[in-house]
Protein backbone atom coordinates (compact mmCIF):
# COMPACT_ATOMS: atom_id res chain seq x y z
CA MET A 1 113.50 99.91 108.17
CA GLU A 2 116.45 102.14 109.02
CA GLU A 3 117.25 101.09 112.57
CA ASN A 4 120.78 102.32 113.23
CA ASN A 5 122.04 105.89 112.96
CA ALA A 6 124.57 105.16 110.21
CA PRO A 7 122.77 105.43 106.87
CA GLN A 8 123.37 102.65 104.36
CA PRO A 9 125.23 103.69 101.20
CA ILE A 10 123.03 104.74 98.30
CA ASN A 11 123.26 102.75 95.09
CA SER A 12 122.83 105.66 92.67
CA GLU A 13 122.68 103.21 89.74
CA LEU A 14 119.17 102.20 90.86
CA ILE A 15 117.78 105.71 90.46
CA PRO A 16 117.59 105.99 86.64
CA ALA A 17 115.71 102.68 86.47
CA ALA A 18 113.16 104.08 88.94
CA ILE A 19 112.31 107.10 86.76
CA PHE A 20 109.27 106.55 84.55
CA PHE A 21 107.55 108.65 81.89
CA ILE A 22 103.90 108.81 82.96
CA ARG A 23 101.26 111.29 81.79
CA GLY A 24 103.91 113.19 79.89
CA GLN A 25 106.20 113.70 82.90
CA LYS A 26 109.31 112.09 84.34
CA VAL A 27 108.26 110.70 87.73
CA MET A 28 109.34 108.38 90.50
CA LEU A 29 106.89 106.10 92.30
CA SER A 30 106.21 106.35 96.02
CA THR A 31 107.09 102.67 96.46
CA ASP A 32 110.49 103.08 94.78
CA LEU A 33 111.17 106.30 96.71
CA ALA A 34 110.28 104.63 100.01
CA SER A 35 112.71 101.83 99.21
CA LEU A 36 115.49 104.31 98.39
CA TYR A 37 114.77 106.32 101.56
CA GLY A 38 114.79 103.15 103.67
CA VAL A 39 111.22 103.57 104.94
CA LEU A 40 107.96 101.73 104.37
CA PRO A 41 105.71 103.21 101.64
CA LYS A 42 103.07 103.76 104.35
CA VAL A 43 105.51 105.92 106.36
CA LEU A 44 106.43 107.97 103.27
CA MET A 45 102.78 108.66 102.45
CA GLN A 46 101.95 109.51 106.09
CA ALA A 47 104.62 112.22 105.97
CA VAL A 48 103.17 113.50 102.68
CA ARG A 49 99.59 113.51 104.04
CA ARG A 50 100.70 115.45 107.13
CA ASN A 51 102.14 118.08 104.76
CA ILE A 52 99.71 117.76 101.85
CA GLU A 53 99.72 121.53 101.18
CA ARG A 54 103.32 121.11 99.96
CA PHE A 55 102.28 118.62 97.25
CA PRO A 56 99.96 120.17 94.66
CA GLY A 57 98.80 118.15 91.66
CA ASP A 58 101.83 119.07 89.54
CA PHE A 59 104.15 117.66 92.25
CA MET A 60 102.35 114.37 92.90
CA PHE A 61 99.44 112.30 91.59
CA GLN A 62 98.00 108.87 92.29
CA LEU A 63 98.33 106.19 89.62
CA THR A 64 95.30 104.42 88.18
CA GLN A 65 94.91 100.65 88.16
CA GLN A 66 95.39 100.71 84.36
CA GLU A 67 98.74 102.52 84.77
CA ILE A 68 99.80 99.96 87.40
CA ASP A 69 98.92 97.11 85.03
CA ILE A 70 101.14 98.66 82.35
CA LEU A 71 104.02 99.18 84.80
CA ARG A 72 103.73 95.77 86.47
CA PRO A 73 106.44 94.02 84.38
CA ARG A 74 108.93 96.90 84.85
CA SER A 75 108.54 97.82 88.49
CA GLN A 76 108.54 96.16 91.86
CA ILE A 77 105.48 98.11 93.00
CA VAL A 78 103.34 95.01 93.33
CA THR A 79 104.03 92.67 96.20
CA LEU A 80 100.80 90.66 95.96
CA LYS A 81 100.37 87.54 93.85
CA LYS A 82 99.76 88.01 90.14
CA GLY A 83 96.13 88.68 89.33
CA LYS A 84 95.35 90.31 92.66
CA ASN A 85 94.83 94.02 93.07
CA ILE A 86 97.18 95.98 95.25
CA LYS A 87 95.61 97.45 98.38
CA TYR A 88 96.67 101.07 97.78
CA LEU A 89 97.58 102.58 94.44
CA PRO A 90 101.03 104.19 94.58
CA TYR A 91 101.69 107.84 93.91
CA ALA A 92 103.96 109.32 91.27
CA PHE A 93 106.20 112.24 92.29
CA THR A 94 107.55 114.70 89.71
CA GLU A 95 111.01 116.18 90.11
CA GLN A 96 109.52 119.06 92.13
CA GLY A 97 107.62 116.59 94.30
CA VAL A 98 110.78 114.60 95.00
CA ALA A 99 112.55 117.83 95.97
CA MET A 100 109.67 118.68 98.29
CA LEU A 101 109.99 115.26 99.96
CA SER A 102 113.31 116.40 101.39
CA THR A 103 111.42 119.00 103.45
CA VAL A 104 109.12 116.41 105.03
CA LEU A 105 111.57 113.51 105.40
CA ARG A 106 114.40 114.82 107.51
CA SER A 107 116.67 111.84 108.00
CA LYS A 108 120.29 111.94 106.82
CA ARG A 109 119.51 109.14 104.38
CA ALA A 110 116.60 111.13 102.89
CA VAL A 111 118.87 114.10 102.29
CA SER A 112 121.55 111.91 100.65
CA VAL A 113 118.99 110.11 98.48
CA ASN A 114 117.42 113.40 97.36
CA ILE A 115 120.81 114.76 96.34
CA GLU A 116 121.44 111.68 94.19
CA ILE A 117 117.96 111.85 92.66
CA MET A 118 118.37 115.53 91.77
CA ARG A 119 121.74 114.77 90.17
CA THR A 120 120.10 112.02 88.10
CA PHE A 121 117.34 114.35 86.89
CA VAL A 122 119.99 116.92 85.88
CA LYS A 123 121.95 114.23 83.97
CA LEU A 124 118.78 113.23 82.11
CA ARG A 125 118.15 116.85 81.09
CA LYS A 126 121.75 117.18 79.88
CA LEU A 127 121.45 113.98 77.84
CA LEU A 128 118.31 115.25 76.16
CA GLY A 129 120.01 118.58 75.41
CA THR A 130 123.08 116.83 74.02
CA SER A 131 120.92 114.74 71.68
CA ALA A 132 119.21 117.86 70.33
CA GLN A 133 122.57 119.55 69.73
CA LEU A 134 123.91 116.46 67.99
CA ALA A 135 120.85 116.32 65.71
CA LEU A 136 121.40 119.96 64.73
CA LYS A 137 125.08 119.33 63.93
CA ILE A 138 124.23 116.31 61.78
CA GLU A 139 121.65 118.34 59.88
CA GLN A 140 124.21 121.11 59.27
CA MET A 141 126.81 118.59 58.07
CA GLU A 142 124.28 116.97 55.76
CA LYS A 143 123.56 120.32 54.11
CA LYS A 144 127.25 121.06 53.79
CA TYR A 145 128.47 117.74 52.40
CA ASP A 146 127.67 115.72 49.33
CA LYS A 147 124.57 113.53 49.05
CA LYS A 148 126.92 110.49 49.04
CA PHE A 149 126.86 110.62 52.82
CA LYS A 150 123.04 110.57 53.03
CA VAL A 151 123.07 106.90 54.08
CA VAL A 152 125.49 107.69 56.92
CA PHE A 153 123.39 110.63 58.11
CA ASP A 154 120.19 108.57 57.94
CA ALA A 155 121.83 105.82 60.01
CA LEU A 156 123.02 108.34 62.62
CA ARG A 157 119.55 109.84 62.85
CA ALA A 158 118.01 106.38 63.28
CA LEU A 159 120.42 105.57 66.11
CA MET A 160 119.63 108.85 67.85
CA THR A 161 115.86 108.43 67.69
CA GLU A 162 116.09 104.95 69.21
CA GLU A 163 117.89 106.34 72.28
CA GLU A 164 115.44 109.20 72.80
CA LYS A 165 112.38 106.98 73.21
CA PRO A 166 111.00 107.18 76.76
CA LYS A 167 111.04 104.02 78.85
CA THR A 168 107.30 103.72 79.18
CA THR A 169 104.51 106.07 78.26
CA ILE A 170 101.22 105.49 79.96
CA GLY A 171 98.18 107.55 80.65
CA PHE A 172 95.65 109.22 78.39
CA HIS A 173 97.09 111.00 75.36
CA THR A 174 95.26 112.75 72.56
CA LYS A 175 96.58 113.24 69.06
CA LYS A 176 96.76 116.82 67.83
């Protein structure tokens, strides 16, 4: 797909929308990564297969048809008509797997895309840390101040929990 030597600019706003919460991990799909890198998904996976020893199970895993069906409304991973199965199930790459992709895809665009993806993962971690710190501060203020403000604190807590919900959780989960 990338024909000329000058890489196309990267729209870093697309990256957060391509991060999913699957099997308890933040991941990016091979189809979305291929699009960002400017290669066909087949080319991306050929590079991975040639270097499969660099991608253990905690770096990459293949999605099930059930997971694809859950993701279908939110992702562009399906190019076939509705109701038809896709030919190959895409793979999900964890943050470590995405970082490892930069060692097997050596184009300038791949390096630039990986830098933007790593920055996005760092921003997500900071946001989660900030939310936890904010929750602690609210709890401390609630203890310190009068019960008159309980309604305000409850409203703040409700707003915070709405933001912390993951985009989509799929996969098998057991209750403990």
